[in-house]
Amino acid sequence: MLAIHQYCITDFQDEVRALVARGSVGRQQRIYELRKYFSNRQWQKVERLLAEEDYLLRGHIIDLVGKESWISDD
């Protein structure tokens, strides 16, 4: 379970990027599927944070974390 304190959206996005990097969640999954990584009380805070930032729970995780950019080795 992830620990959430007084997150700002960038902290939350970093946590979600870490879940994606570990393969725990996929970028095409819905944001509401992140719920299983939080307690009920923490998830309420997450929902408020996402609503304040105009993210929909039915949106995809890629919408939350943004597209990845890769530095070319050329």
Protein backbone atom coordinates (compact mmCIF):
# COMPACT_ATOMS: atom_id res chain seq x y z
CA MET A 1 0.00 0.00 0.00
CA LEU A 2 1.31 3.45 -0.90
CA ALA A 3 1.60 6.13 1.74
CA ILE A 4 -0.15 9.40 1.01
CA HIS A 5 0.33 12.45 3.11
CA GLN A 6 -0.37 15.95 1.86
CA TYR A 7 0.31 15.21 -1.78
CA CYS A 8 0.46 17.69 -4.53
CA ILE A 9 -0.40 16.39 -7.98
CA THR A 10 3.25 16.08 -9.04
CA ASP A 11 4.03 13.87 -6.02
CA PHE A 12 1.06 11.66 -6.87
CA GLN A 13 2.09 11.48 -10.51
CA ASP A 14 5.60 10.42 -9.46
CA GLU A 15 4.12 7.62 -7.32
CA VAL A 16 1.99 6.44 -10.24
CA ARG A 17 4.97 6.58 -12.62
CA ALA A 18 6.84 4.32 -10.20
CA LEU A 19 3.93 1.84 -10.26
CA VAL A 20 3.98 1.90 -14.06
CA ALA A 21 7.78 1.43 -14.16
CA ARG A 22 7.47 -1.61 -11.85
CA GLY A 23 4.74 -3.04 -14.05
CA SER A 24 2.18 -2.93 -11.23
CA VAL A 25 -0.22 -0.94 -13.41
CA GLY A 26 -0.45 -0.32 -17.12
CA ARG A 27 -0.68 3.07 -18.78
CA GLN A 28 -3.97 2.10 -20.46
CA GLN A 29 -5.67 1.09 -17.21
CA ARG A 30 -8.27 3.40 -15.67
CA ILE A 31 -7.20 5.78 -12.93
CA TYR A 32 -9.76 4.28 -10.53
CA GLU A 33 -7.82 1.00 -10.63
CA LEU A 34 -5.13 2.69 -8.52
CA ARG A 35 -7.57 2.43 -5.60
CA LYS A 36 -6.23 -0.96 -4.56
CA TYR A 37 -2.92 0.67 -3.60
CA PHE A 38 -4.52 2.96 -0.99
CA SER A 39 -6.60 2.62 2.15
CA ASN A 40 -10.18 3.94 1.99
CA ARG A 41 -9.22 7.11 3.86
CA GLN A 42 -6.20 7.71 1.62
CA TRP A 43 -8.26 7.11 -1.52
CA GLN A 44 -10.71 9.81 -0.47
CA LYS A 45 -7.80 12.25 -0.39
CA VAL A 46 -6.62 11.01 -3.78
CA GLU A 47 -10.11 11.48 -5.24
CA ARG A 48 -10.22 15.07 -3.96
CA LEU A 49 -6.77 15.78 -5.34
CA LEU A 50 -7.66 14.37 -8.74
CA ALA A 51 -10.96 16.28 -8.83
CA GLU A 52 -9.16 19.53 -7.97
CA GLU A 53 -6.82 18.92 -10.90
CA ASP A 54 -9.70 17.99 -13.27
CA TYR A 55 -8.78 14.32 -13.67
CA LEU A 56 -11.61 11.83 -14.12
CA LEU A 57 -11.39 8.47 -12.35
CA ARG A 58 -12.52 6.80 -15.55
CA GLY A 59 -9.62 8.42 -17.42
CA HIS A 60 -6.52 6.41 -18.31
CA ILE A 61 -3.36 6.40 -16.24
CA ILE A 62 -1.44 7.73 -19.26
CA ASP A 63 -3.58 10.89 -19.02
CA LEU A 64 -2.38 11.32 -15.46
CA VAL A 65 1.33 10.61 -15.91
CA GLY A 66 1.72 11.98 -19.41
CA LYS A 67 3.51 10.40 -22.29
CA GLU A 68 7.04 9.20 -21.83
CA SER A 69 9.83 10.87 -23.70
CA TRP A 70 12.97 9.02 -24.66
CA ILE A 71 16.36 10.50 -25.37
CA SER A 72 17.70 9.20 -28.65
CA ASP A 73 21.01 7.37 -28.53
CA ASP A 74 21.95 8.75 -31.96
